[in-house]
Amino acid sequence: MEDKSHWNRESLAREFNADLTDLVFSMTKRKRKPGKDTYQYELGVFAQVKAGGIQSVILKMADRLHNMLTLWGSDGKKSTKTLRCLCTYSYSLSRLEFSGKN
């Protein structure tokens, strides 16, 4: 959603349904505030995903897997950044325990 400015929560809910809207918005990265470091920003993104429940976590993990599978042609800097993010944030998401939500 972060790259689709014509969509918002209301238009998505009208076109689809509330469950899908919640899932999409749990995955949508918010704009980074000036001065906020990458680590704090990514922690916020993953806290938002976690708050979306197990379906959001599964979708985020699938997205990260796709990112990893498409790195083969990219430069070393992008690969390193993606791997670091995967190890730092995504691994902890995969170990979450949920009690009843989704």
PDB file of N, CA and C in Angstrom:
ATOM      1  N   MET A   1       0.810  -1.190   0.000  1.00  0.00           N
ATOM      2  CA  MET A   1       0.000   0.000   0.000  1.00  0.00           C
ATOM      3  C   MET A   1       0.857   1.259   0.000  1.00  0.00           C
ATOM      4  N   GLU A   2       2.069   1.162   0.534  1.00  0.00           N
ATOM      5  CA  GLU A   2       2.890   2.365   0.651  1.00  0.00           C
ATOM      6  C   GLU A   2       3.201   3.010  -0.696  1.00  0.00           C
ATOM      7  N   ASP A   3       3.083   2.257  -1.776  1.00  0.00           N
ATOM      8  CA  ASP A   3       3.346   2.829  -3.098  1.00  0.00           C
ATOM      9  C   ASP A   3       2.073   3.009  -3.932  1.00  0.00           C
ATOM     10  N   LYS A   4       0.932   2.927  -3.307  1.00  0.00           N
ATOM     11  CA  LYS A   4      -0.358   3.091  -3.987  1.00  0.00           C
ATOM     12  C   LYS A   4      -1.160   4.193  -3.304  1.00  0.00           C
ATOM     13  N   SER A   5      -0.834   5.442  -3.604  1.00  0.00           N
ATOM     14  CA  SER A   5      -1.425   6.569  -2.884  1.00  0.00           C
ATOM     15  C   SER A   5      -2.933   6.711  -3.102  1.00  0.00           C
ATOM     16  N   HIS A   6      -3.469   6.156  -4.171  1.00  0.00           N
ATOM     17  CA  HIS A   6      -4.898   6.284  -4.422  1.00  0.00           C
ATOM     18  C   HIS A   6      -5.743   5.347  -3.546  1.00  0.00           C
ATOM     19  N   TRP A   7      -5.105   4.396  -2.875  1.00  0.00           N
ATOM     20  CA  TRP A   7      -5.827   3.507  -1.964  1.00  0.00           C
ATOM     21  C   TRP A   7      -5.707   4.028  -0.544  1.00  0.00           C
ATOM     22  N   ASN A   8      -6.777   3.912   0.196  1.00  0.00           N
ATOM     23  CA  ASN A   8      -6.743   4.181   1.634  1.00  0.00           C
ATOM     24  C   ASN A   8      -7.607   3.121   2.313  1.00  0.00           C
ATOM     25  N   ARG A   9      -7.666   3.175   3.612  1.00  0.00           N
ATOM     26  CA  ARG A   9      -8.385   2.151   4.366  1.00  0.00           C
ATOM     27  C   ARG A   9      -9.852   2.052   3.930  1.00  0.00           C
ATOM     28  N   GLU A  10     -10.503   3.180   3.753  1.00  0.00           N
ATOM     29  CA  GLU A  10     -11.923   3.186   3.405  1.00  0.00           C
ATOM     30  C   GLU A  10     -12.162   2.604   2.003  1.00  0.00           C
ATOM     31  N   SER A  11     -11.355   3.015   1.031  1.00  0.00           N
ATOM     32  CA  SER A  11     -11.577   2.510  -0.330  1.00  0.00           C
ATOM     33  C   SER A  11     -11.269   1.018  -0.426  1.00  0.00           C
ATOM     34  N   LEU A  12     -10.273   0.559   0.307  1.00  0.00           N
ATOM     35  CA  LEU A  12      -9.954  -0.869   0.307  1.00  0.00           C
ATOM     36  C   LEU A  12     -11.086  -1.674   0.947  1.00  0.00           C
ATOM     37  N   ALA A  13     -11.613  -1.196   2.056  1.00  0.00           N
ATOM     38  CA  ALA A  13     -12.716  -1.891   2.732  1.00  0.00           C
ATOM     39  C   ALA A  13     -13.962  -1.933   1.849  1.00  0.00           C
ATOM     40  N   ARG A  14     -14.226  -0.855   1.112  1.00  0.00           N
ATOM     41  CA  ARG A  14     -15.370  -0.827   0.205  1.00  0.00           C
ATOM     42  C   ARG A  14     -15.204  -1.845  -0.927  1.00  0.00           C
ATOM     43  N   GLU A  15     -13.997  -1.920  -1.462  1.00  0.00           N
ATOM     44  CA  GLU A  15     -13.729  -2.794  -2.609  1.00  0.00           C
ATOM     45  C   GLU A  15     -13.643  -4.272  -2.197  1.00  0.00           C
ATOM     46  N   PHE A  16     -13.127  -4.544  -0.994  1.00  0.00           N
ATOM     47  CA  PHE A  16     -12.909  -5.926  -0.557  1.00  0.00           C
ATOM     48  C   PHE A  16     -13.687  -6.182   0.728  1.00  0.00           C
ATOM     49  N   ASN A  17     -13.003  -6.343   1.863  1.00  0.00           N
ATOM     50  CA  ASN A  17     -13.698  -6.539   3.135  1.00  0.00           C
ATOM     51  C   ASN A  17     -12.806  -6.103   4.291  1.00  0.00           C
ATOM     52  N   ALA A  18     -13.361  -6.081   5.483  1.00  0.00           N
ATOM     53  CA  ALA A  18     -12.634  -5.575   6.653  1.00  0.00           C
ATOM     54  C   ALA A  18     -11.432  -6.454   7.002  1.00  0.00           C
ATOM     55  N   ASP A  19     -11.564  -7.779   6.882  1.00  0.00           N
ATOM     56  CA  ASP A  19     -10.448  -8.672   7.218  1.00  0.00           C
ATOM     57  C   ASP A  19      -9.256  -8.439   6.301  1.00  0.00           C
ATOM     58  N   LEU A  20      -9.515  -8.345   5.008  1.00  0.00           N
ATOM     59  CA  LEU A  20      -8.426  -8.088   4.066  1.00  0.00           C
ATOM     60  C   LEU A  20      -7.815  -6.712   4.310  1.00  0.00           C
ATOM     61  N   THR A  21      -8.661  -5.740   4.578  1.00  0.00           N
ATOM     62  CA  THR A  21      -8.173  -4.389   4.858  1.00  0.00           C
ATOM     63  C   THR A  21      -7.245  -4.397   6.069  1.00  0.00           C
ATOM     64  N   ASP A  22      -7.635  -5.067   7.138  1.00  0.00           N
ATOM     65  CA  ASP A  22      -6.783  -5.155   8.333  1.00  0.00           C
ATOM     66  C   ASP A  22      -5.457  -5.829   8.011  1.00  0.00           C
ATOM     67  N   LEU A  23      -5.504  -6.904   7.230  1.00  0.00           N
ATOM     68  CA  LEU A  23      -4.288  -7.616   6.856  1.00  0.00           C
ATOM     69  C   LEU A  23      -3.356  -6.715   6.043  1.00  0.00           C
ATOM     70  N   VAL A  24      -3.906  -6.043   5.057  1.00  0.00           N
ATOM     71  CA  VAL A  24      -3.093  -5.152   4.217  1.00  0.00           C
ATOM     72  C   VAL A  24      -2.461  -4.054   5.059  1.00  0.00           C
ATOM     73  N   PHE A  25      -3.227  -3.436   5.932  1.00  0.00           N
ATOM     74  CA  PHE A  25      -2.681  -2.333   6.712  1.00  0.00           C
ATOM     75  C   PHE A  25      -1.715  -2.796   7.799  1.00  0.00           C
ATOM     76  N   SER A  26      -1.797  -4.044   8.217  1.00  0.00           N
ATOM     77  CA  SER A  26      -0.798  -4.552   9.161  1.00  0.00           C
ATOM     78  C   SER A  26       0.549  -4.754   8.466  1.00  0.00           C
ATOM     79  N   MET A  27       0.513  -4.900   7.133  1.00  0.00           N
ATOM     80  CA  MET A  27       1.728  -5.129   6.355  1.00  0.00           C
ATOM     81  C   MET A  27       2.292  -3.851   5.728  1.00  0.00           C
ATOM     82  N   THR A  28       1.522  -2.785   5.716  1.00  0.00           N
ATOM     83  CA  THR A  28       1.921  -1.558   5.029  1.00  0.00           C
ATOM     84  C   THR A  28       2.895  -0.757   5.873  1.00  0.00           C
ATOM     85  N   LYS A  29       4.051  -0.500   5.307  1.00  0.00           N
ATOM     86  CA  LYS A  29       5.048   0.304   6.020  1.00  0.00           C
ATOM     87  C   LYS A  29       4.611   1.757   6.065  1.00  0.00           C
ATOM     88  N   ARG A  30       4.724   2.349   7.238  1.00  0.00           N
ATOM     89  CA  ARG A  30       4.449   3.773   7.399  1.00  0.00           C
ATOM     90  C   ARG A  30       5.681   4.557   6.964  1.00  0.00           C
ATOM     91  N   LYS A  31       5.490   5.822   6.651  1.00  0.00           N
ATOM     92  CA  LYS A  31       6.627   6.661   6.276  1.00  0.00           C
ATOM     93  C   LYS A  31       7.560   6.810   7.472  1.00  0.00           C
ATOM     94  N   ARG A  32       8.838   6.749   7.178  1.00  0.00           N
ATOM     95  CA  ARG A  32       9.838   6.886   8.232  1.00  0.00           C
ATOM     96  C   ARG A  32       9.904   8.344   8.686  1.00  0.00           C
ATOM     97  N   LYS A  33       9.891   8.545   9.993  1.00  0.00           N
ATOM     98  CA  LYS A  33       9.990   9.898  10.530  1.00  0.00           C
ATOM     99  C   LYS A  33      11.436  10.369  10.435  1.00  0.00           C
ATOM    100  N   PRO A  34      11.622  11.637  10.098  1.00  0.00           N
ATOM    101  CA  PRO A  34      12.989  12.166  10.017  1.00  0.00           C
ATOM    102  C   PRO A  34      13.738  11.956  11.335  1.00  0.00           C
ATOM    103  N   GLY A  35      14.968  11.518  11.219  1.00  0.00           N
ATOM    104  CA  GLY A  35      15.802  11.319  12.402  1.00  0.00           C
ATOM    105  C   GLY A  35      15.644   9.961  13.065  1.00  0.00           C
ATOM    106  N   LYS A  36      14.676   9.179  12.649  1.00  0.00           N
ATOM    107  CA  LYS A  36      14.478   7.856  13.249  1.00  0.00           C
ATOM    108  C   LYS A  36      15.427   6.877  12.576  1.00  0.00           C
ATOM    109  N   ASP A  37      16.211   6.170  13.375  1.00  0.00           N
ATOM    110  CA  ASP A  37      17.187   5.264  12.774  1.00  0.00           C
ATOM    111  C   ASP A  37      16.515   4.002  12.222  1.00  0.00           C
ATOM    112  N   THR A  38      17.235   3.307  11.362  1.00  0.00           N
ATOM    113  CA  THR A  38      16.708   2.136  10.671  1.00  0.00           C
ATOM    114  C   THR A  38      16.257   1.066  11.656  1.00  0.00           C
ATOM    115  N   TYR A  39      17.057   0.822  12.679  1.00  0.00           N
ATOM    116  CA  TYR A  39      16.729  -0.215  13.651  1.00  0.00           C
ATOM    117  C   TYR A  39      15.377   0.068  14.309  1.00  0.00           C
ATOM    118  N   GLN A  40      15.164   1.293  14.779  1.00  0.00           N
ATOM    119  CA  GLN A  40      13.902   1.651  15.436  1.00  0.00           C
ATOM    120  C   GLN A  40      12.732   1.583  14.458  1.00  0.00           C
ATOM    121  N   TYR A  41      12.976   2.015  13.228  1.00  0.00           N
ATOM    122  CA  TYR A  41      11.931   1.963  12.200  1.00  0.00           C
ATOM    123  C   TYR A  41      11.508   0.518  11.935  1.00  0.00           C
ATOM    124  N   GLU A  42      12.480  -0.377  11.734  1.00  0.00           N
ATOM    125  CA  GLU A  42      12.170  -1.779  11.463  1.00  0.00           C
ATOM    126  C   GLU A  42      11.499  -2.446  12.662  1.00  0.00           C
ATOM    127  N   LEU A  43      11.907  -2.097  13.868  1.00  0.00           N
ATOM    128  CA  LEU A  43      11.224  -2.630  15.047  1.00  0.00           C
ATOM    129  C   LEU A  43       9.753  -2.237  15.039  1.00  0.00           C
ATOM    130  N   GLY A  44       9.482  -1.005  14.642  1.00  0.00           N
ATOM    131  CA  GLY A  44       8.095  -0.543  14.555  1.00  0.00           C
ATOM    132  C   GLY A  44       7.309  -1.295  13.495  1.00  0.00           C
ATOM    133  N   VAL A  45       7.936  -1.545  12.354  1.00  0.00           N
ATOM    134  CA  VAL A  45       7.285  -2.296  11.277  1.00  0.00           C
ATOM    135  C   VAL A  45       6.915  -3.692  11.765  1.00  0.00           C
ATOM    136  N   PHE A  46       7.844  -4.360  12.418  1.00  0.00           N
ATOM    137  CA  PHE A  46       7.575  -5.729  12.858  1.00  0.00           C
ATOM    138  C   PHE A  46       6.625  -5.781  14.044  1.00  0.00           C
ATOM    139  N   ALA A  47       6.613  -4.754  14.875  1.00  0.00           N
ATOM    140  CA  ALA A  47       5.616  -4.688  15.948  1.00  0.00           C
ATOM    141  C   ALA A  47       4.215  -4.558  15.338  1.00  0.00           C
ATOM    142  N   GLN A  48       4.117  -3.784  14.280  1.00  0.00           N
ATOM    143  CA  GLN A  48       2.847  -3.608  13.576  1.00  0.00           C
ATOM    144  C   GLN A  48       2.392  -4.923  12.954  1.00  0.00           C
ATOM    145  N   VAL A  49       3.314  -5.656  12.354  1.00  0.00           N
ATOM    146  CA  VAL A  49       2.981  -6.956  11.768  1.00  0.00           C
ATOM    147  C   VAL A  49       2.522  -7.908  12.865  1.00  0.00           C
ATOM    148  N   LYS A  50       3.253  -7.961  13.943  1.00  0.00           N
ATOM    149  CA  LYS A  50       2.891  -8.842  15.058  1.00  0.00           C
ATOM    150  C   LYS A  50       1.493  -8.512  15.584  1.00  0.00           C
ATOM    151  N   ALA A  51       1.195  -7.226  15.683  1.00  0.00           N
ATOM    152  CA  ALA A  51      -0.124  -6.811  16.174  1.00  0.00           C
ATOM    153  C   ALA A  51      -1.236  -7.257  15.235  1.00  0.00           C
ATOM    154  N   GLY A  52      -0.910  -7.482  13.957  1.00  0.00           N
ATOM    155  CA  GLY A  52      -1.889  -7.952  12.987  1.00  0.00           C
ATOM    156  C   GLY A  52      -2.262  -9.415  13.143  1.00  0.00           C
ATOM    157  N   GLY A  53      -1.519 -10.150  13.969  1.00  0.00           N
ATOM    158  CA  GLY A  53      -1.847 -11.552  14.220  1.00  0.00           C
ATOM    159  C   GLY A  53      -1.064 -12.518  13.343  1.00  0.00           C
ATOM    160  N   ILE A  54      -1.367 -13.779  13.514  1.00  0.00           N
ATOM    161  CA  ILE A  54      -0.616 -14.852  12.870  1.00  0.00           C
ATOM    162  C   ILE A  54      -0.682 -14.774  11.348  1.00  0.00           C
ATOM    163  N   GLN A  55      -1.809 -14.360  10.780  1.00  0.00           N
ATOM    164  CA  GLN A  55      -1.899 -14.255   9.323  1.00  0.00           C
ATOM    165  C   GLN A  55      -0.935 -13.195   8.791  1.00  0.00           C
ATOM    166  N   SER A  56      -0.807 -12.107   9.507  1.00  0.00           N
ATOM    167  CA  SER A  56       0.137 -11.059   9.103  1.00  0.00           C
ATOM    168  C   SER A  56       1.572 -11.557   9.176  1.00  0.00           C
ATOM    169  N   VAL A  57       1.880 -12.296  10.220  1.00  0.00           N
ATOM    170  CA  VAL A  57       3.236 -12.832  10.378  1.00  0.00           C
ATOM    171  C   VAL A  57       3.551 -13.816   9.252  1.00  0.00           C
ATOM    172  N   ILE A  58       2.620 -14.697   8.937  1.00  0.00           N
ATOM    173  CA  ILE A  58       2.840 -15.662   7.853  1.00  0.00           C
ATOM    174  C   ILE A  58       3.047 -14.936   6.523  1.00  0.00           C
ATOM    175  N   LEU A  59       2.228 -13.937   6.263  1.00  0.00           N
ATOM    176  CA  LEU A  59       2.372 -13.178   5.027  1.00  0.00           C
ATOM    177  C   LEU A  59       3.710 -12.443   4.982  1.00  0.00           C
ATOM    178  N   LYS A  60       4.138 -11.864   6.089  1.00  0.00           N
ATOM    179  CA  LYS A  60       5.429 -11.164   6.142  1.00  0.00           C
ATOM    180  C   LYS A  60       6.571 -12.143   5.902  1.00  0.00           C
ATOM    181  N   MET A  61       6.483 -13.337   6.485  1.00  0.00           N
ATOM    182  CA  MET A  61       7.533 -14.331   6.279  1.00  0.00           C
ATOM    183  C   MET A  61       7.577 -14.774   4.811  1.00  0.00           C
ATOM    184  N   ALA A  62       6.414 -14.933   4.181  1.00  0.00           N
ATOM    185  CA  ALA A  62       6.381 -15.287   2.761  1.00  0.00           C
ATOM    186  C   ALA A  62       6.986 -14.169   1.918  1.00  0.00           C
ATOM    187  N   ASP A  63       6.713 -12.934   2.281  1.00  0.00           N
ATOM    188  CA  ASP A  63       7.289 -11.785   1.579  1.00  0.00           C
ATOM    189  C   ASP A  63       8.802 -11.773   1.715  1.00  0.00           C
ATOM    190  N   ARG A  64       9.302 -12.055   2.904  1.00  0.00           N
ATOM    191  CA  ARG A  64      10.758 -12.099   3.126  1.00  0.00           C
ATOM    192  C   ARG A  64      11.392 -13.249   2.345  1.00  0.00           C
ATOM    193  N   LEU A  65      10.716 -14.377   2.297  1.00  0.00           N
ATOM    194  CA  LEU A  65      11.226 -15.506   1.514  1.00  0.00           C
ATOM    195  C   LEU A  65      11.318 -15.111   0.042  1.00  0.00           C
ATOM    196  N   HIS A  66      10.295 -14.473  -0.456  1.00  0.00           N
ATOM    197  CA  HIS A  66      10.321 -14.003  -1.846  1.00  0.00           C
ATOM    198  C   HIS A  66      11.485 -13.043  -2.056  1.00  0.00           C
ATOM    199  N   ASN A  67      11.699 -12.132  -1.117  1.00  0.00           N
ATOM    200  CA  ASN A  67      12.832 -11.204  -1.226  1.00  0.00           C
ATOM    201  C   ASN A  67      14.153 -11.966  -1.323  1.00  0.00           C
ATOM    202  N   MET A  68      14.293 -12.988  -0.508  1.00  0.00           N
ATOM    203  CA  MET A  68      15.535 -13.766  -0.516  1.00  0.00           C
ATOM    204  C   MET A  68      15.709 -14.509  -1.844  1.00  0.00           C
ATOM    205  N   LEU A  69      14.628 -15.049  -2.371  1.00  0.00           N
ATOM    206  CA  LEU A  69      14.707 -15.810  -3.616  1.00  0.00           C
ATOM    207  C   LEU A  69      15.015 -14.933  -4.828  1.00  0.00           C
ATOM    208  N   THR A  70      14.721 -13.655  -4.735  1.00  0.00           N
ATOM    209  CA  THR A  70      14.947 -12.757  -5.868  1.00  0.00           C
ATOM    210  C   THR A  70      16.238 -11.951  -5.733  1.00  0.00           C
ATOM    211  N   LEU A  71      17.077 -12.272  -4.765  1.00  0.00           N
ATOM    212  CA  LEU A  71      18.332 -11.534  -4.551  1.00  0.00           C
ATOM    213  C   LEU A  71      19.463 -11.977  -5.463  1.00  0.00           C
ATOM    214  N   TRP A  72      19.317 -13.097  -6.122  1.00  0.00           N
ATOM    215  CA  TRP A  72      20.452 -13.704  -6.820  1.00  0.00           C
ATOM    216  C   TRP A  72      21.132 -12.768  -7.806  1.00  0.00           C
ATOM    217  N   GLY A  73      20.424 -11.864  -8.439  1.00  0.00           N
ATOM    218  CA  GLY A  73      21.063 -10.980  -9.399  1.00  0.00           C
ATOM    219  C   GLY A  73      21.446  -9.629  -8.841  1.00  0.00           C
ATOM    220  N   SER A  74      21.209  -9.389  -7.559  1.00  0.00           N
ATOM    221  CA  SER A  74      21.442  -8.053  -7.004  1.00  0.00           C
ATOM    222  C   SER A  74      22.857  -7.904  -6.448  1.00  0.00           C
ATOM    223  N   ASP A  75      23.213  -6.659  -6.177  1.00  0.00           N
ATOM    224  CA  ASP A  75      24.560  -6.389  -5.659  1.00  0.00           C
ATOM    225  C   ASP A  75      24.706  -6.858  -4.213  1.00  0.00           C
ATOM    226  N   GLY A  76      25.929  -6.945  -3.778  1.00  0.00           N
ATOM    227  CA  GLY A  76      26.229  -7.444  -2.435  1.00  0.00           C
ATOM    228  C   GLY A  76      25.646  -6.594  -1.327  1.00  0.00           C
ATOM    229  N   LYS A  77      25.570  -5.283  -1.533  1.00  0.00           N
ATOM    230  CA  LYS A  77      25.058  -4.388  -0.496  1.00  0.00           C
ATOM    231  C   LYS A  77      23.581  -4.682  -0.204  1.00  0.00           C
ATOM    232  N   LYS A  78      22.787  -4.854  -1.265  1.00  0.00           N
ATOM    233  CA  LYS A  78      21.370  -5.157  -1.081  1.00  0.00           C
ATOM    234  C   LYS A  78      21.197  -6.529  -0.436  1.00  0.00           C
ATOM    235  N   SER A  79      21.980  -7.504  -0.861  1.00  0.00           N
ATOM    236  CA  SER A  79      21.893  -8.849  -0.284  1.00  0.00           C
ATOM    237  C   SER A  79      22.223  -8.824   1.198  1.00  0.00           C
ATOM    238  N   THR A  80      23.269  -8.095   1.551  1.00  0.00           N
ATOM    239  CA  THR A  80      23.673  -7.993   2.953  1.00  0.00           C
ATOM    240  C   THR A  80      22.589  -7.338   3.784  1.00  0.00           C
ATOM    241  N   LYS A  81      22.019  -6.256   3.269  1.00  0.00           N
ATOM    242  CA  LYS A  81      20.955  -5.548   3.994  1.00  0.00           C
ATOM    243  C   LYS A  81      19.749  -6.458   4.203  1.00  0.00           C
ATOM    244  N   THR A  82      19.339  -7.167   3.159  1.00  0.00           N
ATOM    245  CA  THR A  82      18.175  -8.047   3.255  1.00  0.00           C
ATOM    246  C   THR A  82      18.435  -9.198   4.227  1.00  0.00           C
ATOM    247  N   LEU A  83      19.619  -9.781   4.161  1.00  0.00           N
ATOM    248  CA  LEU A  83      19.967 -10.864   5.091  1.00  0.00           C
ATOM    249  C   LEU A  83      19.999 -10.376   6.534  1.00  0.00           C
ATOM    250  N   ARG A  84      20.566  -9.200   6.741  1.00  0.00           N
ATOM    251  CA  ARG A  84      20.630  -8.639   8.097  1.00  0.00           C
ATOM    252  C   ARG A  84      19.223  -8.408   8.636  1.00  0.00           C
ATOM    253  N   CYS A  85      18.361  -7.864   7.810  1.00  0.00           N
ATOM    254  CA  CYS A  85      16.979  -7.620   8.222  1.00  0.00           C
ATOM    255  C   CYS A  85      16.271  -8.940   8.515  1.00  0.00           C
ATOM    256  N   LEU A  86      16.478  -9.916   7.662  1.00  0.00           N
ATOM    257  CA  LEU A  86      15.871 -11.225   7.862  1.00  0.00           C
ATOM    258  C   LEU A  86      16.307 -11.826   9.197  1.00  0.00           C
ATOM    259  N   CYS A  87      17.582 -11.790   9.454  1.00  0.00           N
ATOM    260  CA  CYS A  87      18.118 -12.393  10.683  1.00  0.00           C
ATOM    261  C   CYS A  87      17.692 -11.619  11.928  1.00  0.00           C
ATOM    262  N   THR A  88      17.683 -10.302  11.832  1.00  0.00           N
ATOM    263  CA  THR A  88      17.398  -9.480  13.006  1.00  0.00           C
ATOM    264  C   THR A  88      15.919  -9.466  13.356  1.00  0.00           C
ATOM    265  N   TYR A  89      15.057  -9.332  12.370  1.00  0.00           N
ATOM    266  CA  TYR A  89      13.645  -9.115  12.642  1.00  0.00           C
ATOM    267  C   TYR A  89      12.766 -10.317  12.310  1.00  0.00           C
ATOM    268  N   SER A  90      12.944 -10.878  11.151  1.00  0.00           N
ATOM    269  CA  SER A  90      12.039 -11.941  10.709  1.00  0.00           C
ATOM    270  C   SER A  90      12.180 -13.205  11.540  1.00  0.00           C
ATOM    271  N   TYR A  91      13.385 -13.541  11.940  1.00  0.00           N
ATOM    272  CA  TYR A  91      13.569 -14.742  12.749  1.00  0.00           C
ATOM    273  C   TYR A  91      12.766 -14.642  14.040  1.00  0.00           C
ATOM    274  N   SER A  92      12.785 -13.477  14.670  1.00  0.00           N
ATOM    275  CA  SER A  92      12.032 -13.340  15.923  1.00  0.00           C
ATOM    276  C   SER A  92      10.529 -13.449  15.677  1.00  0.00           C
ATOM    277  N   LEU A  93      10.057 -12.995  14.507  1.00  0.00           N
ATOM    278  CA  LEU A  93       8.640 -13.157  14.180  1.00  0.00           C
ATOM    279  C   LEU A  93       8.272 -14.628  14.055  1.00  0.00           C
ATOM    280  N   SER A  94       9.168 -15.420  13.493  1.00  0.00           N
ATOM    281  CA  SER A  94       8.860 -16.829  13.278  1.00  0.00           C
ATOM    282  C   SER A  94       8.756 -17.597  14.589  1.00  0.00           C
ATOM    283  N   ARG A  95       9.273 -17.050  15.654  1.00  0.00           N
ATOM    284  CA  ARG A  95       9.260 -17.737  16.947  1.00  0.00           C
ATOM    285  C   ARG A  95       8.142 -17.249  17.872  1.00  0.00           C
ATOM    286  N   LEU A  96       7.279 -16.386  17.368  1.00  0.00           N
ATOM    287  CA  LEU A  96       6.201 -15.856  18.196  1.00  0.00           C
ATOM    288  C   LEU A  96       5.174 -16.930  18.507  1.00  0.00           C
ATOM    289  N   GLU A  97       4.584 -16.783  19.640  1.00  0.00           N
ATOM    290  CA  GLU A  97       3.483 -17.656  20.008  1.00  0.00           C
ATOM    291  C   GLU A  97       2.229 -16.799  20.071  1.00  0.00           C
ATOM    292  N   PHE A  98       1.152 -17.301  19.524  1.00  0.00           N
ATOM    293  CA  PHE A  98      -0.102 -16.569  19.505  1.00  0.00           C
ATOM    294  C   PHE A  98      -1.131 -17.337  20.293  1.00  0.00           C
ATOM    295  N   SER A  99      -1.977 -16.613  20.976  1.00  0.00           N
ATOM    296  CA  SER A  99      -3.015 -17.284  21.757  1.00  0.00           C
ATOM    297  C   SER A  99      -4.385 -16.822  21.277  1.00  0.00           C
ATOM    298  N   GLY A 100      -4.896 -17.534  20.279  1.00  0.00           N
ATOM    299  CA  GLY A 100      -6.260 -17.314  19.865  1.00  0.00           C
ATOM    300  C   GLY A 100      -6.512 -16.269  18.799  1.00  0.00           C
ATOM    301  N   LYS A 101      -5.612 -15.316  18.554  1.00  0.00           N
ATOM    302  CA  LYS A 101      -5.877 -14.290  17.545  1.00  0.00           C
ATOM    303  C   LYS A 101      -5.591 -14.872  16.175  1.00  0.00           C
ATOM    304  N   ASN A 102      -6.571 -14.746  15.269  1.00  0.00           N
ATOM    305  CA  ASN A 102      -6.491 -15.285  13.899  1.00  0.00           C
ATOM    306  C   ASN A 102      -6.321 -16.772  13.979  1.00  0.00           C
TER     307      ASN A 102
END
